[in-house]
Amino acid sequence: IKSAQLADRVALAIITAGMADQVFLKAFVNGPADLKRLRRSPFFG
């Protein structure tokens, strides 16, 4: 994931395809602020 704007849309596409058990996402985590943003996603977890 190179764009925060795409992250939720990509996650939704994965879940809609029934592939949440066969895909993982990755992105740079540079500190606490990035982790806080992770928690705010509706697809968190």
PDB file of all heavy atoms in Angstrom:
ATOM      1  N   ILE A   1       0.848  -1.194   0.000  1.00  0.00           N
ATOM      2  CA  ILE A   1       0.000   0.000   0.000  1.00  0.00           C
ATOM      3  C   ILE A   1       0.883   1.244   0.000  1.00  0.00           C
ATOM      4  O   ILE A   1       1.588   1.518   0.963  1.00  0.00           O
ATOM      5  CB  ILE A   1      -0.925   0.027   1.235  1.00  0.00           C
ATOM      6  CG1 ILE A   1      -1.847  -1.192   1.230  1.00  0.00           C
ATOM      7  CG2 ILE A   1      -1.738   1.311   1.247  1.00  0.00           C
ATOM      8  CD1 ILE A   1      -2.846  -1.220   0.099  1.00  0.00           C
ATOM      9  N   LYS A   2       0.840   1.983  -1.094  1.00  0.00           N
ATOM     10  CA  LYS A   2       1.655   3.188  -1.211  1.00  0.00           C
ATOM     11  C   LYS A   2       0.836   4.450  -1.016  1.00  0.00           C
ATOM     12  O   LYS A   2       1.384   5.544  -0.935  1.00  0.00           O
ATOM     13  CB  LYS A   2       2.346   3.212  -2.568  1.00  0.00           C
ATOM     14  CG  LYS A   2       3.380   2.096  -2.728  1.00  0.00           C
ATOM     15  CD  LYS A   2       4.031   2.138  -4.086  1.00  0.00           C
ATOM     16  CE  LYS A   2       5.206   1.163  -4.147  1.00  0.00           C
ATOM     17  NZ  LYS A   2       4.809  -0.220  -3.923  1.00  0.00           N
ATOM     18  N   SER A   3      -0.490   4.324  -0.971  1.00  0.00           N
ATOM     19  CA  SER A   3      -1.354   5.482  -0.840  1.00  0.00           C
ATOM     20  C   SER A   3      -2.384   5.238   0.252  1.00  0.00           C
ATOM     21  O   SER A   3      -3.148   4.279   0.184  1.00  0.00           O
ATOM     22  CB  SER A   3      -2.070   5.768  -2.163  1.00  0.00           C
ATOM     23  OG  SER A   3      -3.145   6.648  -1.982  1.00  0.00           O
ATOM     24  N   ALA A   4      -2.404   6.123   1.250  1.00  0.00           N
ATOM     25  CA  ALA A   4      -3.391   5.979   2.319  1.00  0.00           C
ATOM     26  C   ALA A   4      -4.812   6.079   1.782  1.00  0.00           C
ATOM     27  O   ALA A   4      -5.737   5.456   2.308  1.00  0.00           O
ATOM     28  CB  ALA A   4      -3.158   7.069   3.369  1.00  0.00           C
ATOM     29  N   GLN A   5      -4.978   6.834   0.710  1.00  0.00           N
ATOM     30  CA  GLN A   5      -6.304   7.005   0.134  1.00  0.00           C
ATOM     31  C   GLN A   5      -6.848   5.701  -0.452  1.00  0.00           C
ATOM     32  O   GLN A   5      -8.057   5.504  -0.547  1.00  0.00           O
ATOM     33  CB  GLN A   5      -6.276   8.077  -0.964  1.00  0.00           C
ATOM     34  CG  GLN A   5      -6.062   9.500  -0.463  1.00  0.00           C
ATOM     35  CD  GLN A   5      -4.641   9.754   0.033  1.00  0.00           C
ATOM     36  OE1 GLN A   5      -3.695   9.148  -0.460  1.00  0.00           O
ATOM     37  NE2 GLN A   5      -4.508  10.627   1.009  1.00  0.00           N
ATOM     38  N   LEU A   6      -5.953   4.808  -0.846  1.00  0.00           N
ATOM     39  CA  LEU A   6      -6.377   3.550  -1.458  1.00  0.00           C
ATOM     40  C   LEU A   6      -6.569   2.427  -0.446  1.00  0.00           C
ATOM     41  O   LEU A   6      -7.193   1.410  -0.765  1.00  0.00           O
ATOM     42  CB  LEU A   6      -5.343   3.089  -2.490  1.00  0.00           C
ATOM     43  CG  LEU A   6      -5.343   3.774  -3.851  1.00  0.00           C
ATOM     44  CD1 LEU A   6      -4.259   3.170  -4.721  1.00  0.00           C
ATOM     45  CD2 LEU A   6      -6.695   3.632  -4.528  1.00  0.00           C
ATOM     46  N   ALA A   7      -6.034   2.590   0.744  1.00  0.00           N
ATOM     47  CA  ALA A   7      -5.943   1.477   1.679  1.00  0.00           C
ATOM     48  C   ALA A   7      -7.292   0.829   1.978  1.00  0.00           C
ATOM     49  O   ALA A   7      -7.452  -0.388   1.877  1.00  0.00           O
ATOM     50  CB  ALA A   7      -5.283   1.944   2.974  1.00  0.00           C
ATOM     51  N   ASP A   8      -8.270   1.626   2.368  1.00  0.00           N
ATOM     52  CA  ASP A   8      -9.574   1.069   2.718  1.00  0.00           C
ATOM     53  C   ASP A   8     -10.255   0.440   1.513  1.00  0.00           C
ATOM     54  O   ASP A   8     -10.931  -0.583   1.638  1.00  0.00           O
ATOM     55  CB  ASP A   8     -10.475   2.149   3.318  1.00  0.00           C
ATOM     56  CG  ASP A   8     -10.075   2.519   4.741  1.00  0.00           C
ATOM     57  OD1 ASP A   8      -9.201   1.830   5.302  1.00  0.00           O
ATOM     58  OD2 ASP A   8     -10.635   3.483   5.283  1.00  0.00           O
ATOM     59  N   ARG A   9     -10.091   1.054   0.345  1.00  0.00           N
ATOM     60  CA  ARG A   9     -10.724   0.508  -0.855  1.00  0.00           C
ATOM     61  C   ARG A   9     -10.122  -0.841  -1.233  1.00  0.00           C
ATOM     62  O   ARG A   9     -10.834  -1.750  -1.655  1.00  0.00           O
ATOM     63  CB  ARG A   9     -10.585   1.503  -2.006  1.00  0.00           C
ATOM     64  CG  ARG A   9     -11.430   2.755  -1.818  1.00  0.00           C
ATOM     65  CD  ARG A   9     -11.123   3.799  -2.854  1.00  0.00           C
ATOM     66  NE  ARG A   9     -11.315   3.270  -4.205  1.00  0.00           N
ATOM     67  CZ  ARG A   9     -10.902   3.918  -5.292  1.00  0.00           C
ATOM     68  NH1 ARG A   9     -10.291   5.086  -5.187  1.00  0.00           N
ATOM     69  NH2 ARG A   9     -11.118   3.392  -6.479  1.00  0.00           N
ATOM     70  N   VAL A  10      -8.813  -0.959  -1.085  1.00  0.00           N
ATOM     71  CA  VAL A  10      -8.165  -2.237  -1.364  1.00  0.00           C
ATOM     72  C   VAL A  10      -8.635  -3.292  -0.367  1.00  0.00           C
ATOM     73  O   VAL A  10      -8.946  -4.433  -0.740  1.00  0.00           O
ATOM     74  CB  VAL A  10      -6.630  -2.088  -1.328  1.00  0.00           C
ATOM     75  CG1 VAL A  10      -5.954  -3.452  -1.385  1.00  0.00           C
ATOM     76  CG2 VAL A  10      -6.155  -1.219  -2.486  1.00  0.00           C
ATOM     77  N   ALA A  11      -8.699  -2.932   0.916  1.00  0.00           N
ATOM     78  CA  ALA A  11      -9.164  -3.875   1.931  1.00  0.00           C
ATOM     79  C   ALA A  11     -10.584  -4.334   1.648  1.00  0.00           C
ATOM     80  O   ALA A  11     -10.907  -5.526   1.762  1.00  0.00           O
ATOM     81  CB  ALA A  11      -9.077  -3.240   3.312  1.00  0.00           C
ATOM     82  N   LEU A  12     -11.456  -3.402   1.270  1.00  0.00           N
ATOM     83  CA  LEU A  12     -12.836  -3.764   0.962  1.00  0.00           C
ATOM     84  C   LEU A  12     -12.895  -4.707  -0.233  1.00  0.00           C
ATOM     85  O   LEU A  12     -13.667  -5.679  -0.226  1.00  0.00           O
ATOM     86  CB  LEU A  12     -13.659  -2.506   0.670  1.00  0.00           C
ATOM     87  CG  LEU A  12     -15.120  -2.741   0.263  1.00  0.00           C
ATOM     88  CD1 LEU A  12     -15.871  -3.491   1.355  1.00  0.00           C
ATOM     89  CD2 LEU A  12     -15.805  -1.408  -0.035  1.00  0.00           C
ATOM     90  N   ALA A  13     -12.079  -4.465  -1.254  1.00  0.00           N
ATOM     91  CA  ALA A  13     -12.060  -5.338  -2.428  1.00  0.00           C
ATOM     92  C   ALA A  13     -11.620  -6.753  -2.054  1.00  0.00           C
ATOM     93  O   ALA A  13     -12.162  -7.748  -2.557  1.00  0.00           O
ATOM     94  CB  ALA A  13     -11.130  -4.766  -3.494  1.00  0.00           C
ATOM     95  N   ILE A  14     -10.645  -6.851  -1.152  1.00  0.00           N
ATOM     96  CA  ILE A  14     -10.160  -8.160  -0.705  1.00  0.00           C
ATOM     97  C   ILE A  14     -11.263  -8.911   0.041  1.00  0.00           C
ATOM     98  O   ILE A  14     -11.509 -10.100  -0.202  1.00  0.00           O
ATOM     99  CB  ILE A  14      -8.921  -7.977   0.193  1.00  0.00           C
ATOM    100  CG1 ILE A  14      -7.741  -7.462  -0.635  1.00  0.00           C
ATOM    101  CG2 ILE A  14      -8.551  -9.282   0.893  1.00  0.00           C
ATOM    102  CD1 ILE A  14      -6.605  -6.925   0.209  1.00  0.00           C
ATOM    103  N   ILE A  15     -11.929  -8.218   0.947  1.00  0.00           N
ATOM    104  CA  ILE A  15     -12.992  -8.845   1.737  1.00  0.00           C
ATOM    105  C   ILE A  15     -14.163  -9.238   0.844  1.00  0.00           C
ATOM    106  O   ILE A  15     -14.724 -10.332   0.962  1.00  0.00           O
ATOM    107  CB  ILE A  15     -13.434  -7.895   2.863  1.00  0.00           C
ATOM    108  CG1 ILE A  15     -12.284  -7.717   3.862  1.00  0.00           C
ATOM    109  CG2 ILE A  15     -14.682  -8.415   3.570  1.00  0.00           C
ATOM    110  CD1 ILE A  15     -12.468  -6.559   4.812  1.00  0.00           C
ATOM    111  N   THR A  16     -14.538  -8.354  -0.080  1.00  0.00           N
ATOM    112  CA  THR A  16     -15.643  -8.640  -0.997  1.00  0.00           C
ATOM    113  C   THR A  16     -15.349  -9.866  -1.855  1.00  0.00           C
ATOM    114  O   THR A  16     -16.248 -10.659  -2.157  1.00  0.00           O
ATOM    115  CB  THR A  16     -15.905  -7.421  -1.895  1.00  0.00           C
ATOM    116  OG1 THR A  16     -16.229  -6.293  -1.076  1.00  0.00           O
ATOM    117  CG2 THR A  16     -17.048  -7.681  -2.858  1.00  0.00           C
ATOM    118  N   ALA A  17     -14.078 -10.039  -2.216  1.00  0.00           N
ATOM    119  CA  ALA A  17     -13.682 -11.195  -3.019  1.00  0.00           C
ATOM    120  C   ALA A  17     -13.575 -12.471  -2.198  1.00  0.00           C
ATOM    121  O   ALA A  17     -13.311 -13.549  -2.747  1.00  0.00           O
ATOM    122  CB  ALA A  17     -12.346 -10.919  -3.707  1.00  0.00           C
ATOM    123  N   GLY A  18     -13.783 -12.365  -0.880  1.00  0.00           N
ATOM    124  CA  GLY A  18     -13.637 -13.538  -0.020  1.00  0.00           C
ATOM    125  C   GLY A  18     -12.210 -13.996   0.115  1.00  0.00           C
ATOM    126  O   GLY A  18     -11.947 -15.191   0.304  1.00  0.00           O
ATOM    127  N   MET A  19     -11.251 -13.058   0.058  1.00  0.00           N
ATOM    128  CA  MET A  19      -9.827 -13.408   0.057  1.00  0.00           C
ATOM    129  C   MET A  19      -9.089 -12.887   1.290  1.00  0.00           C
ATOM    130  O   MET A  19      -7.860 -12.836   1.302  1.00  0.00           O
ATOM    131  CB  MET A  19      -9.172 -12.852  -1.207  1.00  0.00           C
ATOM    132  CG  MET A  19      -9.623 -13.514  -2.494  1.00  0.00           C
ATOM    133  SD  MET A  19      -8.800 -15.092  -2.776  1.00  0.00           S
ATOM    134  CE  MET A  19      -7.189 -14.513  -3.334  1.00  0.00           C
ATOM    135  N   ALA A  20      -9.828 -12.501   2.324  1.00  0.00           N
ATOM    136  CA  ALA A  20      -9.169 -11.948   3.513  1.00  0.00           C
ATOM    137  C   ALA A  20      -8.277 -12.963   4.207  1.00  0.00           C
ATOM    138  O   ALA A  20      -7.422 -12.585   5.014  1.00  0.00           O
ATOM    139  CB  ALA A  20     -10.213 -11.415   4.492  1.00  0.00           C
ATOM    140  N   ASP A  21      -8.474 -14.243   3.917  1.00  0.00           N
ATOM    141  CA  ASP A  21      -7.639 -15.270   4.544  1.00  0.00           C
ATOM    142  C   ASP A  21      -6.463 -15.674   3.666  1.00  0.00           C
ATOM    143  O   ASP A  21      -5.736 -16.611   3.984  1.00  0.00           O
ATOM    144  CB  ASP A  21      -8.484 -16.501   4.885  1.00  0.00           C
ATOM    145  CG  ASP A  21      -9.050 -17.182   3.648  1.00  0.00           C
ATOM    146  OD1 ASP A  21      -8.990 -16.587   2.552  1.00  0.00           O
ATOM    147  OD2 ASP A  21      -9.557 -18.313   3.776  1.00  0.00           O
ATOM    148  N   GLN A  22      -6.255 -14.965   2.552  1.00  0.00           N
ATOM    149  CA  GLN A  22      -5.183 -15.349   1.644  1.00  0.00           C
ATOM    150  C   GLN A  22      -4.368 -14.154   1.163  1.00  0.00           C
ATOM    151  O   GLN A  22      -3.537 -14.267   0.283  1.00  0.00           O
ATOM    152  CB  GLN A  22      -5.770 -16.082   0.427  1.00  0.00           C
ATOM    153  CG  GLN A  22      -4.764 -16.958  -0.289  1.00  0.00           C
ATOM    154  CD  GLN A  22      -5.345 -17.577  -1.542  1.00  0.00           C
ATOM    155  OE1 GLN A  22      -6.506 -17.972  -1.559  1.00  0.00           O
ATOM    156  NE2 GLN A  22      -4.548 -17.661  -2.599  1.00  0.00           N
ATOM    157  N   VAL A  23      -4.601 -12.996   1.740  1.00  0.00           N
ATOM    158  CA  VAL A  23      -3.928 -11.761   1.344  1.00  0.00           C
ATOM    159  C   VAL A  23      -3.440 -11.052   2.592  1.00  0.00           C
ATOM    160  O   VAL A  23      -4.090 -11.107   3.637  1.00  0.00           O
ATOM    161  CB  VAL A  23      -4.899 -10.832   0.570  1.00  0.00           C
ATOM    162  CG1 VAL A  23      -4.187  -9.551   0.148  1.00  0.00           C
ATOM    163  CG2 VAL A  23      -5.496 -11.545  -0.647  1.00  0.00           C
ATOM    164  N   PHE A  24      -2.298 -10.399   2.497  1.00  0.00           N
ATOM    165  CA  PHE A  24      -1.923  -9.462   3.551  1.00  0.00           C
ATOM    166  C   PHE A  24      -1.452  -8.163   2.916  1.00  0.00           C
ATOM    167  O   PHE A  24      -0.958  -8.137   1.788  1.00  0.00           O
ATOM    168  CB  PHE A  24      -0.878 -10.048   4.504  1.00  0.00           C
ATOM    169  CG  PHE A  24       0.485 -10.301   3.907  1.00  0.00           C
ATOM    170  CD1 PHE A  24       1.491  -9.338   3.987  1.00  0.00           C
ATOM    171  CD2 PHE A  24       0.787 -11.522   3.311  1.00  0.00           C
ATOM    172  CE1 PHE A  24       2.755  -9.582   3.462  1.00  0.00           C
ATOM    173  CE2 PHE A  24       2.052 -11.770   2.778  1.00  0.00           C
ATOM    174  CZ  PHE A  24       3.037 -10.794   2.855  1.00  0.00           C
ATOM    175  N   LEU A  25      -1.678  -7.086   3.651  1.00  0.00           N
ATOM    176  CA  LEU A  25      -1.270  -5.763   3.215  1.00  0.00           C
ATOM    177  C   LEU A  25      -0.019  -5.356   3.977  1.00  0.00           C
ATOM    178  O   LEU A  25       0.235  -5.826   5.076  1.00  0.00           O
ATOM    179  CB  LEU A  25      -2.378  -4.750   3.497  1.00  0.00           C
ATOM    180  CG  LEU A  25      -3.760  -5.076   2.939  1.00  0.00           C
ATOM    181  CD1 LEU A  25      -4.742  -3.974   3.310  1.00  0.00           C
ATOM    182  CD2 LEU A  25      -3.718  -5.279   1.439  1.00  0.00           C
ATOM    183  N   LYS A  26       0.753  -4.477   3.370  1.00  0.00           N
ATOM    184  CA  LYS A  26       1.894  -3.929   4.096  1.00  0.00           C
ATOM    185  C   LYS A  26       2.072  -2.467   3.712  1.00  0.00           C
ATOM    186  O   LYS A  26       1.688  -2.035   2.619  1.00  0.00           O
ATOM    187  CB  LYS A  26       3.173  -4.723   3.830  1.00  0.00           C
ATOM    188  CG  LYS A  26       3.727  -4.600   2.430  1.00  0.00           C
ATOM    189  CD  LYS A  26       4.991  -5.429   2.256  1.00  0.00           C
ATOM    190  CE  LYS A  26       5.538  -5.248   0.835  1.00  0.00           C
ATOM    191  NZ  LYS A  26       6.679  -6.140   0.569  1.00  0.00           N
ATOM    192  N   ALA A  27       2.619  -1.697   4.631  1.00  0.00           N
ATOM    193  CA  ALA A  27       2.901  -0.282   4.422  1.00  0.00           C
ATOM    194  C   ALA A  27       3.920   0.156   5.459  1.00  0.00           C
ATOM    195  O   ALA A  27       4.097  -0.500   6.487  1.00  0.00           O
ATOM    196  CB  ALA A  27       1.630   0.552   4.536  1.00  0.00           C
ATOM    197  N   PHE A  28       4.588   1.268   5.182  1.00  0.00           N
ATOM    198  CA  PHE A  28       5.567   1.779   6.136  1.00  0.00           C
ATOM    199  C   PHE A  28       4.879   2.286   7.394  1.00  0.00           C
ATOM    200  O   PHE A  28       3.843   2.961   7.334  1.00  0.00           O
ATOM    201  CB  PHE A  28       6.404   2.896   5.513  1.00  0.00           C
ATOM    202  CG  PHE A  28       7.601   2.390   4.763  1.00  0.00           C
ATOM    203  CD1 PHE A  28       7.607   2.354   3.374  1.00  0.00           C
ATOM    204  CD2 PHE A  28       8.710   1.924   5.455  1.00  0.00           C
ATOM    205  CE1 PHE A  28       8.707   1.871   2.682  1.00  0.00           C
ATOM    206  CE2 PHE A  28       9.822   1.437   4.777  1.00  0.00           C
ATOM    207  CZ  PHE A  28       9.822   1.414   3.383  1.00  0.00           C
ATOM    208  N   VAL A  29       5.465   1.957   8.534  1.00  0.00           N
ATOM    209  CA  VAL A  29       5.042   2.472   9.836  1.00  0.00           C
ATOM    210  C   VAL A  29       6.223   3.245  10.394  1.00  0.00           C
ATOM    211  O   VAL A  29       7.274   2.672  10.694  1.00  0.00           O
ATOM    212  CB  VAL A  29       4.633   1.330  10.777  1.00  0.00           C
ATOM    213  CG1 VAL A  29       4.463   1.841  12.199  1.00  0.00           C
ATOM    214  CG2 VAL A  29       3.351   0.669  10.294  1.00  0.00           C
ATOM    215  N   ASN A  30       6.043   4.554  10.509  1.00  0.00           N
ATOM    216  CA  ASN A  30       7.148   5.409  10.909  1.00  0.00           C
ATOM    217  C   ASN A  30       7.031   5.950  12.332  1.00  0.00           C
ATOM    218  O   ASN A  30       7.893   6.696  12.774  1.00  0.00           O
ATOM    219  CB  ASN A  30       7.262   6.585   9.931  1.00  0.00           C
ATOM    220  CG  ASN A  30       7.592   6.117   8.525  1.00  0.00           C
ATOM    221  OD1 ASN A  30       8.545   5.384   8.324  1.00  0.00           O
ATOM    222  ND2 ASN A  30       6.797   6.524   7.552  1.00  0.00           N
ATOM    223  N   GLY A  31       5.963   5.578  13.041  1.00  0.00           N
ATOM    224  CA  GLY A  31       5.833   6.064  14.400  1.00  0.00           C
ATOM    225  C   GLY A  31       4.414   5.963  14.911  1.00  0.00           C
ATOM    226  O   GLY A  31       3.524   5.435  14.241  1.00  0.00           O
ATOM    227  N   PRO A  32       4.162   6.475  16.116  1.00  0.00           N
ATOM    228  CA  PRO A  32       2.840   6.370  16.750  1.00  0.00           C
ATOM    229  C   PRO A  32       1.698   6.947  15.918  1.00  0.00           C
ATOM    230  O   PRO A  32       0.588   6.423  15.937  1.00  0.00           O
ATOM    231  CB  PRO A  32       3.025   7.147  18.060  1.00  0.00           C
ATOM    232  CG  PRO A  32       4.485   7.075  18.341  1.00  0.00           C
ATOM    233  CD  PRO A  32       5.156   7.114  17.002  1.00  0.00           C
ATOM    234  N   ALA A  33       1.960   8.022  15.179  1.00  0.00           N
ATOM    235  CA  ALA A  33       0.885   8.631  14.390  1.00  0.00           C
ATOM    236  C   ALA A  33       0.373   7.664  13.329  1.00  0.00           C
ATOM    237  O   ALA A  33      -0.839   7.586  13.068  1.00  0.00           O
ATOM    238  CB  ALA A  33       1.376   9.918  13.740  1.00  0.00           C
ATOM    239  N   ASP A  34       1.283   6.909  12.730  1.00  0.00           N
ATOM    240  CA  ASP A  34       0.865   5.925  11.729  1.00  0.00           C
ATOM    241  C   ASP A  34       0.026   4.829  12.365  1.00  0.00           C
ATOM    242  O   ASP A  34      -0.957   4.364  11.785  1.00  0.00           O
ATOM    243  CB  ASP A  34       2.088   5.311  11.046  1.00  0.00           C
ATOM    244  CG  ASP A  34       2.783   6.298  10.121  1.00  0.00           C
ATOM    245  OD1 ASP A  34       2.148   7.302   9.738  1.00  0.00           O
ATOM    246  OD2 ASP A  34       3.959   6.063   9.787  1.00  0.00           O
ATOM    247  N   LEU A  35       0.396   4.402  13.562  1.00  0.00           N
ATOM    248  CA  LEU A  35      -0.364   3.367  14.251  1.00  0.00           C
ATOM    249  C   LEU A  35      -1.759   3.864  14.629  1.00  0.00           C
ATOM    250  O   LEU A  35      -2.740   3.121  14.551  1.00  0.00           O
ATOM    251  CB  LEU A  35       0.389   2.908  15.497  1.00  0.00           C
ATOM    252  CG  LEU A  35       1.711   2.180  15.226  1.00  0.00           C
ATOM    253  CD1 LEU A  35       2.462   1.945  16.531  1.00  0.00           C
ATOM    254  CD2 LEU A  35       1.478   0.861  14.511  1.00  0.00           C
ATOM    255  N   LYS A  36      -1.858   5.118  15.016  1.00  0.00           N
ATOM    256  CA  LYS A  36      -3.172   5.673  15.335  1.00  0.00           C
ATOM    257  C   LYS A  36      -4.068   5.672  14.109  1.00  0.00           C
ATOM    258  O   LYS A  36      -5.271   5.400  14.188  1.00  0.00           O
ATOM    259  CB  LYS A  36      -3.031   7.093  15.882  1.00  0.00           C
ATOM    260  CG  LYS A  36      -2.439   7.147  17.286  1.00  0.00           C
ATOM    261  CD  LYS A  36      -2.316   8.585  17.760  1.00  0.00           C
ATOM    262  CE  LYS A  36      -1.708   8.637  19.160  1.00  0.00           C
ATOM    263  NZ  LYS A  36      -1.526  10.040  19.625  1.00  0.00           N
ATOM    264  N   ARG A  37      -3.482   5.968  12.939  1.00  0.00           N
ATOM    265  CA  ARG A  37      -4.276   5.943  11.709  1.00  0.00           C
ATOM    266  C   ARG A  37      -4.748   4.528  11.389  1.00  0.00           C
ATOM    267  O   ARG A  37      -5.841   4.338  10.859  1.00  0.00           O
ATOM    268  CB  ARG A  37      -3.466   6.528  10.551  1.00  0.00           C
ATOM    269  CG  ARG A  37      -3.396   8.047  10.569  1.00  0.00           C
ATOM    270  CD  ARG A  37      -2.897   8.585   9.245  1.00  0.00           C
ATOM    271  NE  ARG A  37      -1.477   8.329   9.041  1.00  0.00           N
ATOM    272  CZ  ARG A  37      -0.516   9.157   9.446  1.00  0.00           C
ATOM    273  NH1 ARG A  37      -0.818  10.271  10.078  1.00  0.00           N
ATOM    274  NH2 ARG A  37       0.750   8.870   9.214  1.00  0.00           N
ATOM    275  N   LEU A  38      -3.928   3.553  11.716  1.00  0.00           N
ATOM    276  CA  LEU A  38      -4.334   2.162  11.488  1.00  0.00           C
ATOM    277  C   LEU A  38      -5.627   1.850  12.237  1.00  0.00           C
ATOM    278  O   LEU A  38      -6.533   1.206  11.716  1.00  0.00           O
ATOM    279  CB  LEU A  38      -3.244   1.193  11.974  1.00  0.00           C
ATOM    280  CG  LEU A  38      -2.003   0.989  11.116  1.00  0.00           C
ATOM    281  CD1 LEU A  38      -1.019   0.100  11.855  1.00  0.00           C
ATOM    282  CD2 LEU A  38      -2.353   0.405   9.776  1.00  0.00           C
ATOM    283  N   ARG A  39      -5.698   2.305  13.464  1.00  0.00           N
ATOM    284  CA  ARG A  39      -6.830   1.967  14.322  1.00  0.00           C
ATOM    285  C   ARG A  39      -8.143   2.574  13.834  1.00  0.00           C
ATOM    286  O   ARG A  39      -9.212   2.095  14.195  1.00  0.00           O
ATOM    287  CB  ARG A  39      -6.573   2.450  15.749  1.00  0.00           C
ATOM    288  CG  ARG A  39      -5.475   1.696  16.472  1.00  0.00           C
ATOM    289  CD  ARG A  39      -5.451   2.114  17.928  1.00  0.00           C
ATOM    290  NE  ARG A  39      -4.339   1.529  18.642  1.00  0.00           N
ATOM    291  CZ  ARG A  39      -4.331   0.299  19.163  1.00  0.00           C
ATOM    292  NH1 ARG A  39      -5.400  -0.464  19.023  1.00  0.00           N
ATOM    293  NH2 ARG A  39      -3.277  -0.152  19.810  1.00  0.00           N
ATOM    294  N   ARG A  40      -8.072   3.643  13.054  1.00  0.00           N
ATOM    295  CA  ARG A  40      -9.283   4.343  12.670  1.00  0.00           C
ATOM    296  C   ARG A  40      -9.993   3.740  11.457  1.00  0.00           C
ATOM    297  O   ARG A  40     -11.083   4.172  11.103  1.00  0.00           O
ATOM    298  CB  ARG A  40      -8.961   5.818  12.385  1.00  0.00           C
ATOM    299  CG  ARG A  40      -8.581   6.599  13.636  1.00  0.00           C
ATOM    300  CD  ARG A  40      -8.733   8.094  13.418  1.00  0.00           C
ATOM    301  NE  ARG A  40      -7.776   8.607  12.448  1.00  0.00           N
ATOM    302  CZ  ARG A  40      -6.602   9.151  12.767  1.00  0.00           C
ATOM    303  NH1 ARG A  40      -6.251   9.227  14.044  1.00  0.00           N
ATOM    304  NH2 ARG A  40      -5.797   9.611  11.848  1.00  0.00           N
ATOM    305  N   SER A  41      -9.386   2.765  10.817  1.00  0.00           N
ATOM    306  CA  SER A  41      -9.996   2.201   9.610  1.00  0.00           C
ATOM    307  C   SER A  41     -11.192   1.316   9.954  1.00  0.00           C
ATOM    308  O   SER A  41     -11.159   0.540  10.902  1.00  0.00           O
ATOM    309  CB  SER A  41      -8.980   1.357   8.845  1.00  0.00           C
ATOM    310  OG  SER A  41      -9.625   0.609   7.834  1.00  0.00           O
ATOM    311  N   PRO A  42     -12.270   1.374   9.153  1.00  0.00           N
ATOM    312  CA  PRO A  42     -13.407   0.463   9.367  1.00  0.00           C
ATOM    313  C   PRO A  42     -13.052  -0.993   9.085  1.00  0.00           C
ATOM    314  O   PRO A  42     -13.799  -1.898   9.452  1.00  0.00           O
ATOM    315  CB  PRO A  42     -14.467   0.981   8.397  1.00  0.00           C
ATOM    316  CG  PRO A  42     -13.693   1.699   7.340  1.00  0.00           C
ATOM    317  CD  PRO A  42     -12.531   2.325   8.060  1.00  0.00           C
ATOM    318  N   PHE A  43     -11.903  -1.223   8.425  1.00  0.00           N
ATOM    319  CA  PHE A  43     -11.477  -2.593   8.107  1.00  0.00           C
ATOM    320  C   PHE A  43     -10.329  -3.054   9.001  1.00  0.00           C
ATOM    321  O   PHE A  43      -9.707  -4.085   8.747  1.00  0.00           O
ATOM    322  CB  PHE A  43     -11.084  -2.683   6.629  1.00  0.00           C
ATOM    323  CG  PHE A  43     -12.181  -2.251   5.727  1.00  0.00           C
ATOM    324  CD1 PHE A  43     -12.128  -1.039   5.076  1.00  0.00           C
ATOM    325  CD2 PHE A  43     -13.303  -3.046   5.564  1.00  0.00           C
ATOM    326  CE1 PHE A  43     -13.159  -0.627   4.265  1.00  0.00           C
ATOM    327  CE2 PHE A  43     -14.347  -2.641   4.755  1.00  0.00           C
ATOM    328  CZ  PHE A  43     -14.277  -1.430   4.096  1.00  0.00           C
ATOM    329  N   PHE A  44     -10.084  -2.291  10.038  1.00  0.00           N
ATOM    330  CA  PHE A  44      -9.015  -2.573  10.990  1.00  0.00           C
ATOM    331  C   PHE A  44      -9.192  -3.972  11.583  1.00  0.00           C
ATOM    332  O   PHE A  44     -10.198  -4.269  12.208  1.00  0.00           O
ATOM    333  CB  PHE A  44      -9.116  -1.498  12.079  1.00  0.00           C
ATOM    334  CG  PHE A  44      -8.025  -1.520  13.095  1.00  0.00           C
ATOM    335  CD1 PHE A  44      -6.751  -1.097  12.780  1.00  0.00           C
ATOM    336  CD2 PHE A  44      -8.289  -1.920  14.392  1.00  0.00           C
ATOM    337  CE1 PHE A  44      -5.765  -1.071  13.736  1.00  0.00           C
ATOM    338  CE2 PHE A  44      -7.304  -1.900  15.352  1.00  0.00           C
ATOM    339  CZ  PHE A  44      -6.035  -1.478  15.025  1.00  0.00           C
ATOM    340  N   GLY A  45      -8.237  -4.860  11.311  1.00  0.00           N
ATOM    341  CA  GLY A  45      -8.286  -6.205  11.862  1.00  0.00           C
ATOM    342  C   GLY A  45      -8.860  -7.263  10.959  1.00  0.00           C
ATOM    343  O   GLY A  45      -8.868  -8.436  11.304  1.00  0.00           O
TER     344      GLY A  45
END
